[in-house]
């Protein structure tokens, strides 16, 4: 998916979604760069994370920080960490492409 597809899915053409999408990309790329130094773009395999997190953040506008809400049978609970549901996919990608750490082996 892309920013334009997210806008279509949400039925919005709002500057806020542009900012949210951009910030989400930056956060994920920053996380990846900590482990993989030569990465400059979000990999295709992880693009869905940017889309999903941006949609979730956009839908939470006005109710940030809310942990739980219940009203007339409708209930909403938000997670604390936006990327937490995707953590295993991010770690798997990093483990697959990151340079292995050099260690020392000593024989006694």
C-alpha atoms as a PDB file:
ATOM      1  CA  UNK A   1       0.000   0.000   0.000  1.00  0.00           C
ATOM      2  CA  UNK A   2       1.068   3.615  -0.257  1.00  0.00           C
ATOM      3  CA  UNK A   3       0.084   6.960   1.184  1.00  0.00           C
ATOM      4  CA  UNK A   4      -2.459   7.485  -1.593  1.00  0.00           C
ATOM      5  CA  UNK A   5      -4.008   4.072  -0.960  1.00  0.00           C
ATOM      6  CA  UNK A   6      -4.213   4.804   2.774  1.00  0.00           C
ATOM      7  CA  UNK A   7      -5.968   8.103   2.010  1.00  0.00           C
ATOM      8  CA  UNK A   8      -8.435   6.275  -0.230  1.00  0.00           C
ATOM      9  CA  UNK A   9      -9.027   3.586   2.380  1.00  0.00           C
ATOM     10  CA  UNK A  10      -9.703   6.196   5.066  1.00  0.00           C
ATOM     11  CA  UNK A  11     -11.702   8.374   2.641  1.00  0.00           C
ATOM     12  CA  UNK A  12      -9.687  11.441   3.644  1.00  0.00           C
ATOM     13  CA  UNK A  13      -7.472  13.960   1.940  1.00  0.00           C
ATOM     14  CA  UNK A  14      -6.137  15.546   5.071  1.00  0.00           C
ATOM     15  CA  UNK A  15      -2.703  16.983   5.775  1.00  0.00           C
ATOM     16  CA  UNK A  16      -2.721  15.159   9.115  1.00  0.00           C
ATOM     17  CA  UNK A  17      -2.531  11.735   7.434  1.00  0.00           C
ATOM     18  CA  UNK A  18       0.443  12.948   5.365  1.00  0.00           C
ATOM     19  CA  UNK A  19       2.270  13.923   8.552  1.00  0.00           C
ATOM     20  CA  UNK A  20       1.310  10.743  10.401  1.00  0.00           C
ATOM     21  CA  UNK A  21       2.399   8.564   7.466  1.00  0.00           C
ATOM     22  CA  UNK A  22       5.723  10.404   7.150  1.00  0.00           C
ATOM     23  CA  UNK A  23       6.460  10.208  10.891  1.00  0.00           C
ATOM     24  CA  UNK A  24       5.576   6.504  10.943  1.00  0.00           C
ATOM     25  CA  UNK A  25       7.975   5.845   8.062  1.00  0.00           C
ATOM     26  CA  UNK A  26      10.701   7.798   9.858  1.00  0.00           C
ATOM     27  CA  UNK A  27      10.234   5.855  13.103  1.00  0.00           C
ATOM     28  CA  UNK A  28      10.355   2.463  11.396  1.00  0.00           C
ATOM     29  CA  UNK A  29      13.350   3.421   9.263  1.00  0.00           C
ATOM     30  CA  UNK A  30      15.144   4.741  12.332  1.00  0.00           C
ATOM     31  CA  UNK A  31      14.525   1.439  14.107  1.00  0.00           C
ATOM     32  CA  UNK A  32      15.884  -0.494  11.137  1.00  0.00           C
ATOM     33  CA  UNK A  33      18.943   1.773  10.776  1.00  0.00           C
ATOM     34  CA  UNK A  34      20.002   1.016  14.338  1.00  0.00           C
ATOM     35  CA  UNK A  35      20.595  -2.570  13.265  1.00  0.00           C
ATOM     36  CA  UNK A  36      21.223  -2.277   9.510  1.00  0.00           C
ATOM     37  CA  UNK A  37      23.423   0.716   8.779  1.00  0.00           C
ATOM     38  CA  UNK A  38      23.166   0.769   4.973  1.00  0.00           C
ATOM     39  CA  UNK A  39      19.362   0.751   4.740  1.00  0.00           C
ATOM     40  CA  UNK A  40      17.801   3.901   3.243  1.00  0.00           C
ATOM     41  CA  UNK A  41      14.209   2.925   2.501  1.00  0.00           C
ATOM     42  CA  UNK A  42      11.478   0.873   4.108  1.00  0.00           C
ATOM     43  CA  UNK A  43      11.760  -2.637   2.649  1.00  0.00           C
ATOM     44  CA  UNK A  44       8.791  -3.885   0.642  1.00  0.00           C
ATOM     45  CA  UNK A  45       8.267  -6.699   3.153  1.00  0.00           C
ATOM     46  CA  UNK A  46       7.671  -4.171   5.944  1.00  0.00           C
ATOM     47  CA  UNK A  47       5.696  -1.462   4.102  1.00  0.00           C
ATOM     48  CA  UNK A  48       2.440  -2.880   5.436  1.00  0.00           C
ATOM     49  CA  UNK A  49       3.550  -1.914   8.952  1.00  0.00           C
ATOM     50  CA  UNK A  50       3.721   1.773   7.993  1.00  0.00           C
ATOM     51  CA  UNK A  51       0.232   1.563   6.480  1.00  0.00           C
ATOM     52  CA  UNK A  52      -1.330  -0.213   9.442  1.00  0.00           C
ATOM     53  CA  UNK A  53       0.289   1.991  12.085  1.00  0.00           C
ATOM     54  CA  UNK A  54      -0.578   5.194  10.181  1.00  0.00           C
ATOM     55  CA  UNK A  55      -4.224   4.112   9.876  1.00  0.00           C
ATOM     56  CA  UNK A  56      -4.381   3.247  13.582  1.00  0.00           C
ATOM     57  CA  UNK A  57      -2.824   6.574  14.578  1.00  0.00           C
ATOM     58  CA  UNK A  58      -5.146   8.544  12.309  1.00  0.00           C
ATOM     59  CA  UNK A  59      -8.170   6.771  13.773  1.00  0.00           C
ATOM     60  CA  UNK A  60      -6.998   7.705  17.279  1.00  0.00           C
ATOM     61  CA  UNK A  61      -6.817  11.448  16.623  1.00  0.00           C
ATOM     62  CA  UNK A  62      -8.615  13.168  19.458  1.00  0.00           C
ATOM     63  CA  UNK A  63      -8.353  10.228  21.824  1.00  0.00           C
ATOM     64  CA  UNK A  64      -4.587   9.833  22.201  1.00  0.00           C
ATOM     65  CA  UNK A  65      -3.522   8.261  25.432  1.00  0.00           C
ATOM     66  CA  UNK A  66      -6.877   6.585  26.003  1.00  0.00           C
ATOM     67  CA  UNK A  67      -6.429   3.071  27.299  1.00  0.00           C
ATOM     68  CA  UNK A  68     -10.075   2.026  27.381  1.00  0.00           C
ATOM     69  CA  UNK A  69     -13.481   3.488  26.594  1.00  0.00           C
ATOM     70  CA  UNK A  70     -16.950   1.977  26.691  1.00  0.00           C
ATOM     71  CA  UNK A  71     -20.100   3.740  25.534  1.00  0.00           C
ATOM     72  CA  UNK A  72     -23.482   2.268  24.605  1.00  0.00           C
ATOM     73  CA  UNK A  73     -22.063  -1.185  23.903  1.00  0.00           C
ATOM     74  CA  UNK A  74     -19.113   0.176  21.913  1.00  0.00           C
ATOM     75  CA  UNK A  75     -15.719  -0.497  23.443  1.00  0.00           C
ATOM     76  CA  UNK A  76     -12.305   0.815  22.395  1.00  0.00           C
ATOM     77  CA  UNK A  77      -8.884   0.026  23.823  1.00  0.00           C
ATOM     78  CA  UNK A  78      -5.602   1.259  22.376  1.00  0.00           C
ATOM     79  CA  UNK A  79      -2.193  -0.307  22.747  1.00  0.00           C
ATOM     80  CA  UNK A  80       0.653   1.643  24.287  1.00  0.00           C
ATOM     81  CA  UNK A  81       3.214   0.892  21.590  1.00  0.00           C
ATOM     82  CA  UNK A  82       2.111   1.245  17.979  1.00  0.00           C
ATOM     83  CA  UNK A  83       4.790  -1.060  16.598  1.00  0.00           C
ATOM     84  CA  UNK A  84       4.437  -3.768  19.274  1.00  0.00           C
ATOM     85  CA  UNK A  85       2.123  -6.037  17.217  1.00  0.00           C
ATOM     86  CA  UNK A  86       4.719  -6.005  14.421  1.00  0.00           C
ATOM     87  CA  UNK A  87       7.804  -6.423  16.595  1.00  0.00           C
ATOM     88  CA  UNK A  88       8.429 -10.043  15.612  1.00  0.00           C
ATOM     89  CA  UNK A  89       8.316  -9.189  11.884  1.00  0.00           C
ATOM     90  CA  UNK A  90      10.733  -6.300  12.410  1.00  0.00           C
ATOM     91  CA  UNK A  91      13.127  -8.455  14.440  1.00  0.00           C
ATOM     92  CA  UNK A  92      12.949 -11.273  11.881  1.00  0.00           C
ATOM     93  CA  UNK A  93      13.817  -8.833   9.093  1.00  0.00           C
ATOM     94  CA  UNK A  94      16.689  -7.354  11.079  1.00  0.00           C
ATOM     95  CA  UNK A  95      18.055 -10.796  11.931  1.00  0.00           C
ATOM     96  CA  UNK A  96      17.898 -11.798   8.283  1.00  0.00           C
ATOM     97  CA  UNK A  97      19.768  -8.775   6.897  1.00  0.00           C
ATOM     98  CA  UNK A  98      21.843  -7.327   9.722  1.00  0.00           C
ATOM     99  CA  UNK A  99      25.542  -7.973   9.863  1.00  0.00           C
ATOM    100  CA  UNK A 100      26.291 -10.542  12.524  1.00  0.00           C
ATOM    101  CA  UNK A 101      28.074  -9.186  15.536  1.00  0.00           C
ATOM    102  CA  UNK A 102      31.724 -10.097  15.801  1.00  0.00           C
ATOM    103  CA  UNK A 103      32.681 -11.925  18.926  1.00  0.00           C
ATOM    104  CA  UNK A 104      35.731 -13.430  20.487  1.00  0.00           C
ATOM    105  CA  UNK A 105      36.294 -17.111  21.066  1.00  0.00           C
ATOM    106  CA  UNK A 106      39.012 -18.167  23.465  1.00  0.00           C
ATOM    107  CA  UNK A 107      40.249 -21.665  23.975  1.00  0.00           C
ATOM    108  CA  UNK A 108      41.788 -22.418  27.317  1.00  0.00           C
END
